[in-house]
PDB file of N, CA and C in Angstrom:
ATOM      1  N   MET A   1      99.687 -31.237-232.330  1.00  0.00           N
ATOM      2  CA  MET A   1      98.876 -32.434-232.380  1.00  0.00           C
ATOM      3  C   MET A   1      97.415 -32.005-232.371  1.00  0.00           C
ATOM      4  N   GLY A   2      96.623 -32.556-233.287  1.00  0.00           N
ATOM      5  CA  GLY A   2      95.199 -32.251-233.358  1.00  0.00           C
ATOM      6  C   GLY A   2      94.371 -33.248-232.564  1.00  0.00           C
ATOM      7  N   ARG A   3      93.150 -32.847-232.284  1.00  0.00           N
ATOM      8  CA  ARG A   3      92.227 -33.733-231.580  1.00  0.00           C
ATOM      9  C   ARG A   3      91.066 -34.064-232.511  1.00  0.00           C
ATOM     10  N   TYR A   4      90.638 -35.313-232.467  1.00  0.00           N
ATOM     11  CA  TYR A   4      89.623 -35.808-233.386  1.00  0.00           C
ATOM     12  C   TYR A   4      88.578 -36.615-232.630  1.00  0.00           C
ATOM     13  N   LEU A   5      87.312 -36.353-232.942  1.00  0.00           N
ATOM     14  CA  LEU A   5      86.203 -37.148-232.431  1.00  0.00           C
ATOM     15  C   LEU A   5      85.856 -38.157-233.506  1.00  0.00           C
ATOM     16  N   ILE A   6      85.926 -39.424-233.167  1.00  0.00           N
ATOM     17  CA  ILE A   6      85.578 -40.485-234.109  1.00  0.00           C
ATOM     18  C   ILE A   6      84.295 -41.127-233.613  1.00  0.00           C
ATOM     19  N   LYS A   7      83.258 -41.052-234.453  1.00  0.00           N
ATOM     20  CA  LYS A   7      81.967 -41.649-234.127  1.00  0.00           C
ATOM     21  C   LYS A   7      81.879 -42.968-234.893  1.00  0.00           C
ATOM     22  N   ALA A   8      81.858 -44.076-234.161  1.00  0.00           N
ATOM     23  CA  ALA A   8      81.882 -45.398-234.795  1.00  0.00           C
ATOM     24  C   ALA A   8      80.537 -46.095-234.659  1.00  0.00           C
ATOM     25  N   SER A   9      80.150 -46.774-235.715  1.00  0.00           N
ATOM     26  CA  SER A   9      78.941 -47.596-235.723  1.00  0.00           C
ATOM     27  C   SER A   9      79.343 -48.995-236.175  1.00  0.00           C
ATOM     28  N   TYR A  10      79.012 -49.990-235.366  1.00  0.00           N
ATOM     29  CA  TYR A  10      79.408 -51.357-235.659  1.00  0.00           C
ATOM     30  C   TYR A  10      78.488 -52.005-236.677  1.00  0.00           C
ATOM     31  N   THR A  11      79.059 -52.811-237.551  1.00  0.00           N
ATOM     32  CA  THR A  11      78.281 -53.675-238.429  1.00  0.00           C
ATOM     33  C   THR A  11      77.825 -54.866-237.582  1.00  0.00           C
ATOM     34  N   ALA A  12      77.036 -55.749-238.155  1.00  0.00           N
ATOM     35  CA  ALA A  12      76.610 -56.936-237.417  1.00  0.00           C
ATOM     36  C   ALA A  12      77.820 -57.765-236.978  1.00  0.00           C
ATOM     37  N   ALA A  13      78.790 -57.910-237.867  1.00  0.00           N
ATOM     38  CA  ALA A  13      79.997 -58.672-237.517  1.00  0.00           C
ATOM     39  C   ALA A  13      80.772 -57.983-236.396  1.00  0.00           C
ATOM     40  N   GLY A  14      80.843 -56.665-236.438  1.00  0.00           N
ATOM     41  CA  GLY A  14      81.526 -55.922-235.389  1.00  0.00           C
ATOM     42  C   GLY A  14      80.830 -56.047-234.052  1.00  0.00           C
ATOM     43  N   ALA A  15      79.507 -56.019-234.064  1.00  0.00           N
ATOM     44  CA  ALA A  15      78.742 -56.174-232.824  1.00  0.00           C
ATOM     45  C   ALA A  15      78.953 -57.569-232.234  1.00  0.00           C
ATOM     46  N   ARG A  16      79.005 -58.591-233.105  1.00  0.00           N
ATOM     47  CA  ARG A  16      79.275 -59.956-232.613  1.00  0.00           C
ATOM     48  C   ARG A  16      80.655 -60.036-231.973  1.00  0.00           C
ATOM     49  N   GLY A  17      81.635 -59.410-232.610  1.00  0.00           N
ATOM     50  CA  GLY A  17      82.986 -59.400-232.058  1.00  0.00           C
ATOM     51  C   GLY A  17      83.041 -58.687-230.721  1.00  0.00           C
ATOM     52  N   LEU A  18      82.319 -57.596-230.612  1.00  0.00           N
ATOM     53  CA  LEU A  18      82.264 -56.853-229.356  1.00  0.00           C
ATOM     54  C   LEU A  18      81.635 -57.700-228.260  1.00  0.00           C
ATOM     55  N   LEU A  19      80.554 -58.404-228.578  1.00  0.00           N
ATOM     56  CA  LEU A  19      79.906 -59.277-227.595  1.00  0.00           C
ATOM     57  C   LEU A  19      80.836 -60.407-227.165  1.00  0.00           C
ATOM     58  N   ASP A  20      81.592 -60.941-228.097  1.00  0.00           N
ATOM     59  CA  ASP A  20      82.510 -62.045-227.777  1.00  0.00           C
ATOM     60  C   ASP A  20      83.689 -61.600-226.914  1.00  0.00           C
ATOM     61  N   ALA A  21      84.293 -60.451-227.259  1.00  0.00           N
ATOM     62  CA  ALA A  21      85.535 -60.035-226.602  1.00  0.00           C
ATOM     63  C   ALA A  21      85.337 -59.020-225.478  1.00  0.00           C
ATOM     64  N   GLY A  22      84.198 -58.349-225.450  1.00  0.00           N
ATOM     65  CA  GLY A  22      83.943 -57.359-224.410  1.00  0.00           C
ATOM     66  C   GLY A  22      84.430 -55.970-224.782  1.00  0.00           C
ATOM     67  N   GLY A  23      83.909 -54.986-224.068  1.00  0.00           N
ATOM     68  CA  GLY A  23      84.186 -53.587-224.363  1.00  0.00           C
ATOM     69  C   GLY A  23      85.632 -53.178-224.175  1.00  0.00           C
ATOM     70  N   GLN A  24      86.285 -53.659-223.132  1.00  0.00           N
ATOM     71  CA  GLN A  24      87.662 -53.253-222.875  1.00  0.00           C
ATOM     72  C   GLN A  24      88.595 -53.671-224.005  1.00  0.00           C
ATOM     73  N   SER A  25      88.256 -54.761-224.688  1.00  0.00           N
ATOM     74  CA  SER A  25      89.093 -55.198-225.816  1.00  0.00           C
ATOM     75  C   SER A  25      89.121 -54.142-226.909  1.00  0.00           C
ATOM     76  N   ARG A  26      88.002 -53.458-227.149  1.00  0.00           N
ATOM     77  CA  ARG A  26      87.953 -52.401-228.166  1.00  0.00           C
ATOM     78  C   ARG A  26      88.760 -51.193-227.733  1.00  0.00           C
ATOM     79  N   VAL A  27      88.690 -50.858-226.448  1.00  0.00           N
ATOM     80  CA  VAL A  27      89.481 -49.734-225.941  1.00  0.00           C
ATOM     81  C   VAL A  27      90.964 -50.009-226.160  1.00  0.00           C
ATOM     82  N   ASP A  28      91.385 -51.224-225.846  1.00  0.00           N
ATOM     83  CA  ASP A  28      92.791 -51.592-226.003  1.00  0.00           C
ATOM     84  C   ASP A  28      93.230 -51.520-227.467  1.00  0.00           C
ATOM     85  N   VAL A  29      92.388 -52.033-228.365  1.00  0.00           N
ATOM     86  CA  VAL A  29      92.717 -52.027-229.795  1.00  0.00           C
ATOM     87  C   VAL A  29      92.784 -50.598-230.322  1.00  0.00           C
ATOM     88  N   VAL A  30      91.815 -49.770-229.971  1.00  0.00           N
ATOM     89  CA  VAL A  30      91.797 -48.389-230.463  1.00  0.00           C
ATOM     90  C   VAL A  30      92.979 -47.605-229.905  1.00  0.00           C
ATOM     91  N   SER A  31      93.347 -47.880-228.662  1.00  0.00           N
ATOM     92  CA  SER A  31      94.522 -47.225-228.082  1.00  0.00           C
ATOM     93  C   SER A  31      95.777 -47.572-228.882  1.00  0.00           C
ATOM     94  N   LYS A  32      95.943 -48.839-229.208  1.00  0.00           N
ATOM     95  CA  LYS A  32      97.102 -49.268-230.003  1.00  0.00           C
ATOM     96  C   LYS A  32      97.062 -48.674-231.411  1.00  0.00           C
ATOM     97  N   THR A  33      95.863 -48.565-231.981  1.00  0.00           N
ATOM     98  CA  THR A  33      95.726 -47.983-233.310  1.00  0.00           C
ATOM     99  C   THR A  33      96.150 -46.523-233.301  1.00  0.00           C
ATOM    100  N   ALA A  34      95.685 -45.763-232.315  1.00  0.00           N
ATOM    101  CA  ALA A  34      96.071 -44.348-232.210  1.00  0.00           C
ATOM    102  C   ALA A  34      97.580 -44.221-232.036  1.00  0.00           C
ATOM    103  N   GLU A  35      98.165 -45.058-231.193  1.00  0.00           N
ATOM    104  CA  GLU A  35      99.610 -45.022-230.972  1.00  0.00           C
ATOM    105  C   GLU A  35     100.378 -45.354-232.248  1.00  0.00           C
ATOM    106  N   SER A  36      99.865 -46.313-233.030  1.00  0.00           N
ATOM    107  CA  SER A  36     100.549 -46.692-234.272  1.00  0.00           C
ATOM    108  C   SER A  36     100.541 -45.560-235.296  1.00  0.00           C
ATOM    109  N   ALA A  37      99.581 -44.630-235.150  1.00  0.00           N
ATOM    110  CA  ALA A  37      99.500 -43.477-236.041  1.00  0.00           C
ATOM    111  C   ALA A  37     100.224 -42.263-235.460  1.00  0.00           C
ATOM    112  N   GLY A  38     100.945 -42.479-234.352  1.00  0.00           N
ATOM    113  CA  GLY A  38     101.696 -41.397-233.735  1.00  0.00           C
ATOM    114  C   GLY A  38     100.900 -40.578-232.741  1.00  0.00           C
ATOM    115  N   GLY A  39      99.751 -41.103-232.313  1.00  0.00           N
ATOM    116  CA  GLY A  39      98.891 -40.351-231.414  1.00  0.00           C
ATOM    117  C   GLY A  39      98.578 -41.066-230.121  1.00  0.00           C
ATOM    118  N   LYS A  40      97.443 -40.676-229.536  1.00  0.00           N
ATOM    119  CA  LYS A  40      97.068 -41.203-228.231  1.00  0.00           C
ATOM    120  C   LYS A  40      95.547 -41.203-228.102  1.00  0.00           C
ATOM    121  N   LEU A  41      95.010 -42.271-227.545  1.00  0.00           N
ATOM    122  CA  LEU A  41      93.589 -42.335-227.222  1.00  0.00           C
ATOM    123  C   LEU A  41      93.341 -41.481-225.989  1.00  0.00           C
ATOM    124  N   GLU A  42      92.369 -40.573-226.062  1.00  0.00           N
ATOM    125  CA  GLU A  42      92.013 -39.752-224.903  1.00  0.00           C
ATOM    126  C   GLU A  42      90.787 -40.303-224.184  1.00  0.00           C
ATOM    127  N   THR A  43      89.730 -40.566-224.933  1.00  0.00           N
ATOM    128  CA  THR A  43      88.516 -41.119-224.325  1.00  0.00           C
ATOM    129  C   THR A  43      87.875 -42.115-225.271  1.00  0.00           C
ATOM    130  N   PHE A  44      87.157 -43.071-224.697  1.00  0.00           N
ATOM    131  CA  PHE A  44      86.400 -44.054-225.469  1.00  0.00           C
ATOM    132  C   PHE A  44      85.136 -44.347-224.683  1.00  0.00           C
ATOM    133  N   ASP A  45      83.993 -44.044-225.279  1.00  0.00           N
ATOM    134  CA  ASP A  45      82.711 -44.282-224.616  1.00  0.00           C
ATOM    135  C   ASP A  45      81.750 -44.969-225.566  1.00  0.00           C
ATOM    136  N   PHE A  46      81.078 -46.003-225.068  1.00  0.00           N
ATOM    137  CA  PHE A  46      80.006 -46.644-225.818  1.00  0.00           C
ATOM    138  C   PHE A  46      78.727 -45.856-225.599  1.00  0.00           C
ATOM    139  N   ALA A  47      77.767 -45.972-226.542  1.00  0.00           N
ATOM    140  CA  ALA A  47      76.524 -45.214-226.448  1.00  0.00           C
ATOM    141  C   ALA A  47      75.377 -45.999-227.078  1.00  0.00           C
ATOM    142  N   PHE A  48      74.181 -45.611-226.730  1.00  0.00           N
ATOM    143  CA  PHE A  48      72.983 -46.124-227.400  1.00  0.00           C
ATOM    144  C   PHE A  48      72.732 -45.269-228.632  1.00  0.00           C
ATOM    145  N   GLY A  49      72.001 -45.817-229.587  1.00  0.00           N
ATOM    146  CA  GLY A  49      71.625 -45.038-230.764  1.00  0.00           C
ATOM    147  C   GLY A  49      72.379 -45.470-232.002  1.00  0.00           C
ATOM    148  N   SER A  50      72.350 -44.617-233.019  1.00  0.00           N
ATOM    149  CA  SER A  50      72.977 -44.970-234.295  1.00  0.00           C
ATOM    150  C   SER A  50      74.500 -44.960-234.214  1.00  0.00           C
ATOM    151  N   THR A  51      75.051 -44.230-233.261  1.00  0.00           N
ATOM    152  CA  THR A  51      76.489 -44.246-233.028  1.00  0.00           C
ATOM    153  C   THR A  51      76.758 -45.142-231.831  1.00  0.00           C
ATOM    154  N   ASP A  52      77.602 -46.151-232.035  1.00  0.00           N
ATOM    155  CA  ASP A  52      77.875 -47.127-230.979  1.00  0.00           C
ATOM    156  C   ASP A  52      79.011 -46.724-230.062  1.00  0.00           C
ATOM    157  N   ALA A  53      79.958 -45.923-230.567  1.00  0.00           N
ATOM    158  CA  ALA A  53      81.097 -45.512-229.751  1.00  0.00           C
ATOM    159  C   ALA A  53      81.549 -44.124-230.148  1.00  0.00           C
ATOM    160  N   TYR A  54      81.907 -43.349-229.137  1.00  0.00           N
ATOM    161  CA  TYR A  54      82.481 -42.019-229.325  1.00  0.00           C
ATOM    162  C   TYR A  54      83.908 -42.069-228.805  1.00  0.00           C
ATOM    163  N   VAL A  55      84.850 -41.735-229.679  1.00  0.00           N
ATOM    164  CA  VAL A  55      86.270 -41.848-229.355  1.00  0.00           C
ATOM    165  C   VAL A  55      86.930 -40.499-229.612  1.00  0.00           C
ATOM    166  N   ILE A  56      87.744 -40.047-228.689  1.00  0.00           N
ATOM    167  CA  ILE A  56      88.548 -38.848-228.925  1.00  0.00           C
ATOM    168  C   ILE A  56      90.007 -39.263-228.881  1.00  0.00           C
ATOM    169  N   CYS A  57      90.721 -38.909-229.956  1.00  0.00           N
ATOM    170  CA  CYS A  57      92.145 -39.205-230.074  1.00  0.00           C
ATOM    171  C   CYS A  57      92.912 -37.929-230.370  1.00  0.00           C
ATOM    172  N   SER A  58      94.123 -37.857-229.856  1.00  0.00           N
ATOM    173  CA  SER A  58      95.088 -36.854-230.296  1.00  0.00           C
ATOM    174  C   SER A  58      95.910 -37.534-231.375  1.00  0.00           C
ATOM    175  N   LEU A  59      96.005 -36.894-232.532  1.00  0.00           N
ATOM    176  CA  LEU A  59      96.760 -37.447-233.654  1.00  0.00           C
ATOM    177  C   LEU A  59      97.612 -36.344-234.263  1.00  0.00           C
ATOM    178  N   PRO A  60      98.720 -36.711-234.906  1.00  0.00           N
ATOM    179  CA  PRO A  60      99.648 -35.693-235.413  1.00  0.00           C
ATOM    180  C   PRO A  60      99.025 -34.692-236.386  1.00  0.00           C
ATOM    181  N   ASP A  61      98.120 -35.158-237.261  1.00  0.00           N
ATOM    182  CA  ASP A  61      97.571 -34.273-238.279  1.00  0.00           C
ATOM    183  C   ASP A  61      96.388 -34.950-238.964  1.00  0.00           C
ATOM    184  N   ASN A  62      95.797 -34.244-239.933  1.00  0.00           N
ATOM    185  CA  ASN A  62      94.643 -34.777-240.660  1.00  0.00           C
ATOM    186  C   ASN A  62      94.995 -36.031-241.450  1.00  0.00           C
ATOM    187  N   THR A  63      96.220 -36.118-241.942  1.00  0.00           N
ATOM    188  CA  THR A  63      96.642 -37.309-242.685  1.00  0.00           C
ATOM    189  C   THR A  63      96.596 -38.540-241.785  1.00  0.00           C
ATOM    190  N   ALA A  64      97.105 -38.421-240.572  1.00  0.00           N
ATOM    191  CA  ALA A  64      97.068 -39.543-239.626  1.00  0.00           C
ATOM    192  C   ALA A  64      95.625 -39.898-239.284  1.00  0.00           C
ATOM    193  N   ALA A  65      94.771 -38.886-239.104  1.00  0.00           N
ATOM    194  CA  ALA A  65      93.365 -39.141-238.796  1.00  0.00           C
ATOM    195  C   ALA A  65      92.678 -39.863-239.960  1.00  0.00           C
ATOM    196  N   ALA A  66      92.993 -39.459-241.179  1.00  0.00           N
ATOM    197  CA  ALA A  66      92.412 -40.114-242.351  1.00  0.00           C
ATOM    198  C   ALA A  66      92.871 -41.563-242.450  1.00  0.00           C
ATOM    199  N   LYS A  67      94.144 -41.824-242.153  1.00  0.00           N
ATOM    200  CA  LYS A  67      94.648 -43.202-242.183  1.00  0.00           C
ATOM    201  C   LYS A  67      93.929 -44.071-241.163  1.00  0.00           C
ATOM    202  N   VAL A  68      93.712 -43.537-239.965  1.00  0.00           N
ATOM    203  CA  VAL A  68      92.992 -44.296-238.942  1.00  0.00           C
ATOM    204  C   VAL A  68      91.572 -44.584-239.418  1.00  0.00           C
ATOM    205  N   ALA A  69      90.874 -43.568-239.902  1.00  0.00           N
ATOM    206  CA  ALA A  69      89.486 -43.743-240.348  1.00  0.00           C
ATOM    207  C   ALA A  69      89.381 -44.748-241.491  1.00  0.00           C
ATOM    208  N   LEU A  70      90.272 -44.648-242.463  1.00  0.00           N
ATOM    209  CA  LEU A  70      90.238 -45.569-243.598  1.00  0.00           C
ATOM    210  C   LEU A  70      90.575 -46.995-243.177  1.00  0.00           C
ATOM    211  N   THR A  71      91.518 -47.145-242.267  1.00  0.00           N
ATOM    212  CA  THR A  71      91.893 -48.474-241.777  1.00  0.00           C
ATOM    213  C   THR A  71      90.726 -49.128-241.054  1.00  0.00           C
ATOM    214  N   VAL A  72      90.051 -48.361-240.205  1.00  0.00           N
ATOM    215  CA  VAL A  72      88.892 -48.894-239.481  1.00  0.00           C
ATOM    216  C   VAL A  72      87.786 -49.276-240.456  1.00  0.00           C
ATOM    217  N   SER A  73      87.466 -48.391-241.376  1.00  0.00           N
ATOM    218  CA  SER A  73      86.395 -48.672-242.341  1.00  0.00           C
ATOM    219  C   SER A  73      86.728 -49.852-243.240  1.00  0.00           C
ATOM    220  N   ALA A  74      87.980 -49.953-243.669  1.00  0.00           N
ATOM    221  CA  ALA A  74      88.395 -51.043-244.562  1.00  0.00           C
ATOM    222  C   ALA A  74      88.308 -52.407-243.889  1.00  0.00           C
ATOM    223  N   ALA A  75      88.423 -52.438-242.568  1.00  0.00           N
ATOM    224  CA  ALA A  75      88.343 -53.716-241.844  1.00  0.00           C
ATOM    225  C   ALA A  75      86.932 -54.302-241.900  1.00  0.00           C
ATOM    226  N   GLY A  76      85.920 -53.454-242.104  1.00  0.00           N
ATOM    227  CA  GLY A  76      84.560 -53.930-242.311  1.00  0.00           C
ATOM    228  C   GLY A  76      83.722 -54.184-241.063  1.00  0.00           C
ATOM    229  N   ALA A  77      84.267 -54.030-239.879  1.00  0.00           N
ATOM    230  CA  ALA A  77      83.499 -54.296-238.655  1.00  0.00           C
ATOM    231  C   ALA A  77      82.824 -53.042-238.108  1.00  0.00           C
ATOM    232  N   ALA A  78      83.205 -51.889-238.642  1.00  0.00           N
ATOM    233  CA  ALA A  78      82.609 -50.628-238.193  1.00  0.00           C
ATOM    234  C   ALA A  78      82.763 -49.586-239.291  1.00  0.00           C
ATOM    235  N   THR A  79      81.876 -48.616-239.266  1.00  0.00           N
ATOM    236  CA  THR A  79      82.040 -47.429-240.086  1.00  0.00           C
ATOM    237  C   THR A  79      82.320 -46.281-239.126  1.00  0.00           C
ATOM    238  N   CYS A  80      83.006 -45.268-239.600  1.00  0.00           N
ATOM    239  CA  CYS A  80      83.283 -44.160-238.696  1.00  0.00           C
ATOM    240  C   CYS A  80      83.163 -42.823-239.406  1.00  0.00           C
ATOM    241  N   GLU A  81      82.844 -41.840-238.608  1.00  0.00           N
ATOM    242  CA  GLU A  81      82.809 -40.447-239.038  1.00  0.00           C
ATOM    243  C   GLU A  81      83.806 -39.715-238.154  1.00  0.00           C
ATOM    244  N   THR A  82      84.698 -38.956-238.769  1.00  0.00           N
ATOM    245  CA  THR A  82      85.729 -38.252-238.020  1.00  0.00           C
ATOM    246  C   THR A  82      85.434 -36.761-238.031  1.00  0.00           C
ATOM    247  N   VAL A  83      85.459 -36.163-236.855  1.00  0.00           N
ATOM    248  CA  VAL A  83      85.208 -34.737-236.691  1.00  0.00           C
ATOM    249  C   VAL A  83      86.477 -34.094-236.138  1.00  0.00           C
ATOM    250  N   VAL A  84      86.977 -33.066-236.812  1.00  0.00           N
ATOM    251  CA  VAL A  84      88.139 -32.329-236.319  1.00  0.00           C
ATOM    252  C   VAL A  84      87.662 -31.422-235.186  1.00  0.00           C
ATOM    253  N   LEU A  85      88.297 -31.544-234.033  1.00  0.00           N
ATOM    254  CA  LEU A  85      87.947 -30.708-232.886  1.00  0.00           C
ATOM    255  C   LEU A  85      88.854 -29.484-232.864  1.00  0.00           C
ATOM    256  N   ILE A  86      88.284 -28.334-232.570  1.00  0.00           N
ATOM    257  CA  ILE A  86      89.021 -27.078-232.578  1.00  0.00           C
ATOM    258  C   ILE A  86      89.107 -26.547-231.152  1.00  0.00           C
ATOM    259  N   ASP A  87      90.312 -26.285-230.709  1.00  0.00           N
ATOM    260  CA  ASP A  87      90.536 -25.733-229.379  1.00  0.00           C
ATOM    261  C   ASP A  87      89.971 -24.313-229.318  1.00  0.00           C
ATOM    262  N   PRO A  88      89.335 -23.920-228.209  1.00  0.00           N
ATOM    263  CA  PRO A  88      88.784 -22.566-228.108  1.00  0.00           C
ATOM    264  C   PRO A  88      89.812 -21.463-228.366  1.00  0.00           C
ATOM    265  N   SER A  89      91.076 -21.710-228.049  1.00  0.00           N
ATOM    266  CA  SER A  89      92.103 -20.687-228.279  1.00  0.00           C
ATOM    267  C   SER A  89      92.329 -20.417-229.766  1.00  0.00           C
ATOM    268  N   GLU A  90      91.865 -21.315-230.626  1.00  0.00           N
ATOM    269  CA  GLU A  90      92.016 -21.123-232.061  1.00  0.00           C
ATOM    270  C   GLU A  90      90.925 -20.224-232.648  1.00  0.00           C
ATOM    271  N   ILE A  91      89.967 -19.828-231.815  1.00  0.00           N
ATOM    272  CA  ILE A  91      88.897 -18.938-232.250  1.00  0.00           C
ATOM    273  C   ILE A  91      89.103 -17.597-231.530  1.00  0.00           C
ATOM    274  N   PRO A  92      89.851 -16.695-232.145  1.00  0.00           N
ATOM    275  CA  PRO A  92      90.142 -15.427-231.469  1.00  0.00           C
ATOM    276  C   PRO A  92      88.909 -14.529-231.396  1.00  0.00           C
ATOM    277  N   ALA A  93      88.854 -13.722-230.352  1.00  0.00           N
ATOM    278  CA  ALA A  93      87.773 -12.753-230.201  1.00  0.00           C
ATOM    279  C   ALA A  93      87.825 -11.763-231.355  1.00  0.00           C
ATOM    280  N   GLY A  94      86.661 -11.401-231.875  1.00  0.00           N
ATOM    281  CA  GLY A  94      86.611 -10.423-232.956  1.00  0.00           C
ATOM    282  C   GLY A  94      87.100 -10.956-234.282  1.00  0.00           C
ATOM    283  N   SER A  95      87.168 -12.274-234.426  1.00  0.00           N
ATOM    284  CA  SER A  95      87.738 -12.851-235.647  1.00  0.00           C
ATOM    285  C   SER A  95      86.835 -12.728-236.856  1.00  0.00           C
ATOM    286  N   GLY A  96      85.557 -12.430-236.663  1.00  0.00           N
ATOM    287  CA  GLY A  96      84.638 -12.366-237.797  1.00  0.00           C
ATOM    288  C   GLY A  96      84.808 -11.141-238.669  1.00  0.00           C
ATOM    289  N   GLY A  97      85.536 -10.125-238.216  1.00  0.00           N
ATOM    290  CA  GLY A  97      85.658  -8.873-238.959  1.00  0.00           C
ATOM    291  C   GLY A  97      86.388  -8.985-240.284  1.00  0.00           C
ATOM    292  N   ASP A  98      87.216  -9.978-240.475  1.00  0.00           N
ATOM    293  CA  ASP A  98      88.018 -10.092-241.688  1.00  0.00           C
ATOM    294  C   ASP A  98      87.338 -10.936-242.783  1.00  0.00           C
ATOM    295  N   VAL A  99      86.161 -11.450-242.499  1.00  0.00           N
ATOM    296  CA  VAL A  99      85.498 -12.349-243.431  1.00  0.00           C
ATOM    297  C   VAL A  99      84.289 -11.651-244.049  1.00  0.00           C
ATOM    298  N   THR A 100      84.156 -11.731-245.364  1.00  0.00           N
ATOM    299  CA  THR A 100      83.001 -11.163-246.057  1.00  0.00           C
ATOM    300  C   THR A 100      82.024 -12.302-246.343  1.00  0.00           C
ATOM    301  N   TYR A 101      80.751 -12.045-246.042  1.00  0.00           N
ATOM    302  CA  TYR A 101      79.729 -13.081-246.223  1.00  0.00           C
ATOM    303  C   TYR A 101      78.395 -12.414-246.482  1.00  0.00           C
ATOM    304  N   ALA A 102      77.627 -12.956-247.419  1.00  0.00           N
ATOM    305  CA  ALA A 102      76.275 -12.492-247.682  1.00  0.00           C
ATOM    306  C   ALA A 102      75.325 -13.650-247.447  1.00  0.00           C
ATOM    307  N   PRO A 103      74.400 -13.537-246.482  1.00  0.00           N
ATOM    308  CA  PRO A 103      73.463 -14.627-246.223  1.00  0.00           C
ATOM    309  C   PRO A 103      72.492 -14.797-247.383  1.00  0.00           C
ATOM    310  N   PRO A 104      71.851 -15.961-247.490  1.00  0.00           N
ATOM    311  CA  PRO A 104      70.884 -16.166-248.562  1.00  0.00           C
ATOM    312  C   PRO A 104      69.817 -15.055-248.538  1.00  0.00           C
ATOM    313  N   GLY A 105      69.514 -14.526-249.694  1.00  0.00           N
ATOM    314  CA  GLY A 105      68.535 -13.456-249.797  1.00  0.00           C
ATOM    315  C   GLY A 105      69.081 -12.097-249.400  1.00  0.00           C
ATOM    316  N   GLY A 106      70.382 -12.060-249.026  1.00  0.00           N
ATOM    317  CA  GLY A 106      70.961 -10.784-248.560  1.00  0.00           C
ATOM    318  C   GLY A 106      71.702 -10.028-249.613  1.00  0.00           C
TER     319      GLY A 106
END
């Protein structure tokens, strides 16, 4: 199961809905959405700034994450950016030795 950070920004209609129903209503909906995709909501936090909510979900794979992101965006009340989170154990020590790279100007 992969972990995904979803950064959501509400449209005006989404912000009105949030004001009407309250913050916990969004947590409940997002939890059900993650479960419907075979995953689980881990954290949900509101924030100031251009991103209104930061959500971390465990989801089966990138396909499930894409379905969640597209479903949210298609509803029109929010836009989202999905970031794949990588567990530190997936970055082995000394892993850079097998990769060839030339920096710009190098």
